[in-house]
C-alpha cells in the first residue's frame, strides 16, 4: 500500500512538473508575440516623445532669443557678434555659432535646450560644459538649424518685427534648401516661427520638404519671404 501511494505521489509530481514546464513555455511564447506586436507602438511612442521634447526645447530657446532681441534689437547675427565683446567669434557657417551667442551673452547657461533628437547621430545630449567659451555648443551639441535672411544684399538676423509666420529654428534639416531628415520624427519636421509658435508638419514624400499654403515649401525664396531670401544654417555635425 505504501508503495502504491509513493508511486501516486511521484506521478502527480511528474504531472505538475510537466504542466509547469508547459505553462512556462506557453508564457514565453506569448511574451515574445506581445513584444513583437507592441514594438511598432513603442517605437511610435518614443518618436512622439522625441518630437515633443524638441518642440519644448525650441520654445525655451525662443525665450532666450526674445531676451536677446530686447538688448540688441534683433536675433543673433554678425552684427551682434561684433558689437558685444562677449560674442566675438560666435559667427560662421553653422547654427551652433550663432545660437551660441545666447550662452556667451548669458541669456542661458543650459546647452540642453538646444538638443533635438537626430536619428543620424543618436541620443547623445550636450554636456552643459560652457567654460571656456570655446566649449559652448561644440560639434554635435546643437540639433536646431538657425535661419537668417539676406535682404538688399545684406545678411541679418530676424526679429519680432518681421512676418510672424517665418521659421527661425527647424529640426531636423539635412540641407539648406529645406529637406528634413525623415526618420527622426516619423516623417515629420518641426519648426519654430518668429511669433513663438512651434509647428509639426508632415513631410512631402518626394523631397522631404514641408509644403505650406499656396503650394510652395517652407524655405522657398518666394511666398512668405517676400523680397527676402532665407539663409538656413545647419548644426555642425
Protein backbone atom coordinates (compact mmCIF):
# COMPACT_ATOMS: atom_id res chain seq x y z
CA UNK A 1 0.00 0.00 0.00
CA UNK A 2 2.77 2.37 0.90
CA UNK A 3 4.49 1.57 -2.41
CA UNK A 4 1.34 2.41 -4.34
CA UNK A 5 0.98 5.74 -2.51
CA UNK A 6 4.62 6.59 -3.26
CA UNK A 7 4.11 5.88 -6.95
CA UNK A 8 0.99 8.03 -6.95
CA UNK A 9 2.83 10.98 -5.36
CA UNK A 10 5.65 10.57 -7.87
CA UNK A 11 3.20 10.52 -10.77
CA UNK A 12 1.40 13.63 -9.50
CA UNK A 13 4.71 15.43 -9.06
CA UNK A 14 5.72 14.49 -12.59
CA UNK A 15 2.39 15.70 -13.95
CA UNK A 16 2.72 19.00 -12.10
CA UNK A 17 6.26 19.42 -13.41
CA UNK A 18 5.10 18.79 -16.97
CA UNK A 19 2.21 21.22 -16.61
CA UNK A 20 4.54 23.83 -15.10
CA UNK A 21 7.02 23.48 -17.95
CA UNK A 22 4.21 23.65 -20.47
CA UNK A 23 2.78 26.81 -18.90
CA UNK A 24 6.23 28.39 -18.74
CA UNK A 25 6.86 27.65 -22.42
CA UNK A 26 3.41 29.00 -23.29
CA UNK A 27 4.07 32.18 -21.30
CA UNK A 28 7.40 32.67 -23.07
CA UNK A 29 5.77 32.29 -26.49
CA UNK A 30 3.03 34.77 -25.55
CA UNK A 31 5.66 37.17 -24.24
CA UNK A 32 7.62 37.03 -27.47
CA UNK A 33 4.47 37.55 -29.54
CA UNK A 34 3.38 40.51 -27.43
CA UNK A 35 6.83 42.08 -27.66
CA UNK A 36 6.74 41.66 -31.45
CA UNK A 37 3.25 43.15 -31.70
CA UNK A 38 3.99 46.02 -29.32
CA UNK A 39 7.34 47.03 -30.88
CA UNK A 40 5.84 49.39 -33.52
CA UNK A 41 3.63 51.05 -30.88
CA UNK A 42 6.57 51.54 -28.52
CA UNK A 43 8.65 52.97 -31.35
CA UNK A 44 5.91 55.41 -32.33
CA UNK A 45 5.54 56.47 -28.71
CA UNK A 46 9.28 57.08 -28.40
CA UNK A 47 9.37 59.11 -31.62
CA UNK A 48 6.46 61.21 -30.39
CA UNK A 49 8.30 61.86 -27.12
CA UNK A 50 11.41 62.89 -29.08
CA UNK A 51 9.36 65.31 -31.15
CA UNK A 52 7.58 66.72 -28.09
CA UNK A 53 10.92 67.32 -26.38
CA UNK A 54 12.35 69.07 -29.44
CA UNK A 55 9.30 71.36 -29.63
CA UNK A 56 9.56 72.14 -25.91
CA UNK A 57 13.28 72.89 -26.24
CA UNK A 58 12.68 75.19 -29.21
CA UNK A 59 10.27 77.25 -27.11
CA UNK A 60 12.86 77.58 -24.36
CA UNK A 61 15.39 78.80 -26.93
CA UNK A 62 12.77 81.27 -28.16
CA UNK A 63 12.50 82.86 -24.70
CA UNK A 64 16.27 83.41 -24.75
CA UNK A 65 16.03 84.90 -28.24
CA UNK A 66 13.38 87.37 -27.08
CA UNK A 67 15.62 88.49 -24.21
CA UNK A 68 18.50 88.79 -26.67
CA UNK A 69 16.38 90.88 -29.02
CA UNK A 70 15.38 93.24 -26.21
CA UNK A 71 19.08 94.06 -25.76
CA UNK A 72 20.26 94.03 -29.38
CA UNK A 73 17.16 94.85 -31.43
CA UNK A 74 17.17 91.57 -33.37
CA UNK A 75 18.20 87.94 -33.13
CA UNK A 76 21.87 86.82 -33.33
CA UNK A 77 23.86 87.64 -36.44
CA UNK A 78 27.27 89.01 -37.46
CA UNK A 79 26.43 92.47 -36.21
CA UNK A 80 25.78 91.30 -32.67
CA UNK A 81 28.92 89.15 -32.76
CA UNK A 82 30.95 92.29 -33.43
CA UNK A 83 29.05 94.71 -31.19
CA UNK A 84 29.30 92.73 -27.93
CA UNK A 85 32.80 91.62 -26.83
CA UNK A 86 31.34 88.52 -25.17
CA UNK A 87 30.00 87.36 -28.53
CA UNK A 88 33.18 87.79 -30.56
CA UNK A 89 33.83 84.71 -32.69
CA UNK A 90 30.28 83.37 -32.41
CA UNK A 91 29.55 83.53 -36.12
CA UNK A 92 30.26 81.43 -39.17
CA UNK A 93 28.62 78.74 -41.28
CA UNK A 94 26.84 76.69 -38.58
CA UNK A 95 23.83 77.31 -36.36
CA UNK A 96 25.93 76.34 -33.31
CA UNK A 97 27.91 79.54 -33.60
CA UNK A 98 25.02 81.99 -33.75
CA UNK A 99 22.87 80.19 -31.19
CA UNK A 100 25.98 80.03 -29.03
CA UNK A 101 25.64 83.80 -28.64
CA UNK A 102 22.72 83.10 -26.30
CA UNK A 103 25.01 81.25 -23.91
CA UNK A 104 28.03 83.51 -24.36
CA UNK A 105 25.80 86.52 -23.71
CA UNK A 106 24.48 84.87 -20.53
CA UNK A 107 20.87 84.55 -21.65
CA UNK A 108 21.02 80.90 -20.59
CA UNK A 109 23.53 78.55 -19.02
CA UNK A 110 21.94 75.43 -20.49
CA UNK A 111 23.17 73.66 -23.60
CA UNK A 112 20.47 71.02 -23.22
CA UNK A 113 17.73 73.31 -24.51
CA UNK A 114 19.47 73.22 -27.90
CA UNK A 115 19.05 69.44 -28.12
CA UNK A 116 16.78 67.94 -30.78
CA UNK A 117 16.92 64.23 -31.50
CA UNK A 118 18.57 63.37 -34.82
CA UNK A 119 18.31 59.74 -35.93
CA UNK A 120 21.65 60.06 -37.70
CA UNK A 121 23.64 60.83 -34.54
CA UNK A 122 21.73 59.07 -31.76
CA UNK A 123 20.65 60.35 -28.37
CA UNK A 124 23.83 61.90 -27.03
CA UNK A 125 22.91 65.19 -25.40
CA UNK A 126 25.04 68.32 -24.80
CA UNK A 127 27.35 68.12 -21.80
CA UNK A 128 26.50 71.59 -20.42
CA UNK A 129 30.21 72.38 -20.28
CA UNK A 130 30.35 76.04 -21.30
CA UNK A 131 33.71 77.08 -19.87
CA UNK A 132 35.83 78.27 -21.52
CA UNK A 133 33.59 79.84 -24.20
CA UNK A 134 35.20 77.62 -26.86
CA UNK A 135 33.25 74.73 -25.30
CA UNK A 136 29.87 76.34 -25.99
CA UNK A 137 27.70 74.26 -28.35
CA UNK A 138 30.51 72.22 -29.78
CA UNK A 139 30.10 69.80 -32.66
CA UNK A 140 27.01 67.56 -32.24
CA UNK A 141 25.72 69.62 -29.30
CA UNK A 142 23.05 71.50 -31.24
CA UNK A 143 20.10 69.91 -33.03
CA UNK A 144 18.44 73.02 -34.45
CA UNK A 145 19.08 74.81 -37.70
CA UNK A 146 19.02 78.60 -37.42
CA UNK A 147 17.52 80.91 -40.01
CA UNK A 148 18.71 84.36 -41.01
CA UNK A 149 17.83 86.32 -44.13
CA UNK A 150 19.52 88.16 -46.94
CA UNK A 151 17.84 91.46 -47.72
CA UNK A 152 19.15 94.09 -50.13
CA UNK A 153 22.47 92.28 -50.29
CA UNK A 154 22.93 92.19 -46.52
CA UNK A 155 22.70 89.21 -44.17
CA UNK A 156 20.81 89.83 -40.95
CA UNK A 157 19.07 88.09 -38.09
CA UNK A 158 15.30 88.08 -37.96
CA UNK A 159 13.31 89.96 -35.33
CA UNK A 160 9.78 90.08 -33.99
CA UNK A 161 9.23 92.97 -36.39
CA UNK A 162 9.33 90.50 -39.29
CA UNK A 163 6.48 88.33 -40.54
CA UNK A 164 5.44 86.21 -37.54
CA UNK A 165 4.98 83.15 -39.76
CA UNK A 166 8.65 82.94 -40.78
CA UNK A 167 10.54 79.91 -39.48
CA UNK A 168 13.61 80.73 -37.38
CA UNK A 169 14.52 77.33 -35.92
CA UNK A 170 13.99 73.93 -37.53
CA UNK A 171 14.74 70.26 -36.86
CA UNK A 172 15.93 68.07 -38.31
CA UNK A 173 17.15 69.59 -41.60
CA UNK A 174 19.62 67.79 -43.86
CA UNK A 175 20.34 70.62 -46.30
CA UNK A 176 19.97 74.41 -46.53
CA UNK A 177 17.14 74.08 -49.08
CA UNK A 178 14.64 72.76 -46.58
CA UNK A 179 14.75 68.96 -46.80
CA UNK A 180 14.17 67.32 -43.42
CA UNK A 181 15.54 64.03 -42.08
CA UNK A 182 12.50 61.75 -42.28
CA UNK A 183 13.31 59.09 -39.66
CA UNK A 184 13.81 61.27 -36.60
CA UNK A 185 10.13 62.17 -36.14
CA UNK A 186 8.43 59.56 -38.33
CA UNK A 187 8.12 61.59 -41.49
CA UNK A 188 7.53 64.94 -39.82
CA UNK A 189 9.58 68.10 -39.42
CA UNK A 190 9.31 70.72 -36.70
CA UNK A 191 9.96 74.44 -36.83
CA UNK A 192 9.61 77.45 -34.57
CA UNK A 193 8.21 80.66 -36.03
CA UNK A 194 9.07 84.28 -35.33
CA UNK A 195 5.79 84.66 -33.43
CA UNK A 196 6.90 81.92 -30.99
CA UNK A 197 4.54 79.21 -32.20
CA UNK A 198 6.00 75.77 -32.89
CA UNK A 199 4.71 73.55 -35.69
CA UNK A 200 4.99 69.88 -36.55
CA UNK A 201 4.23 69.14 -40.19
CA UNK A 202 4.24 66.03 -42.35
CA UNK A 203 6.97 65.93 -44.97
CA UNK A 204 6.35 65.77 -48.71
CA UNK A 205 7.36 62.27 -49.81
CA UNK A 206 9.32 63.37 -52.85
CA UNK A 207 11.80 65.86 -51.42
CA UNK A 208 11.12 65.65 -47.65
CA UNK A 209 10.18 69.33 -47.51
CA UNK A 210 7.25 70.99 -45.74
CA UNK A 211 4.56 72.28 -48.08
CA UNK A 212 2.80 75.46 -46.97
CA UNK A 213 -0.38 77.21 -48.03
CA UNK A 214 -0.26 78.28 -51.65
CA UNK A 215 1.74 75.24 -52.79
CA UNK A 216 5.27 76.43 -52.01
CA UNK A 217 7.60 74.95 -49.43
CA UNK A 218 8.77 76.38 -46.14
CA UNK A 219 12.12 77.70 -47.34
CA UNK A 220 11.25 78.74 -50.89
CA UNK A 221 12.71 82.15 -51.61
CA UNK A 222 9.23 83.33 -52.62
CA UNK A 223 5.88 83.18 -50.87
CA UNK A 224 6.10 84.07 -47.16
CA UNK A 225 9.60 85.50 -47.55
CA UNK A 226 8.67 88.35 -49.85
CA UNK A 227 11.77 90.24 -51.04
CA UNK A 228 13.98 88.46 -48.52
CA UNK A 229 15.99 85.29 -49.12
CA UNK A 230 16.15 82.72 -46.30
CA UNK A 231 19.63 81.68 -45.20
CA UNK A 232 19.45 78.34 -43.40
CA UNK A 233 22.42 77.39 -41.23
CA UNK A 234 22.66 73.72 -40.28
CA UNK A 235 24.14 72.49 -36.99
CA UNK A 236 27.74 71.34 -37.05
CA UNK A 237 27.87 67.52 -37.00
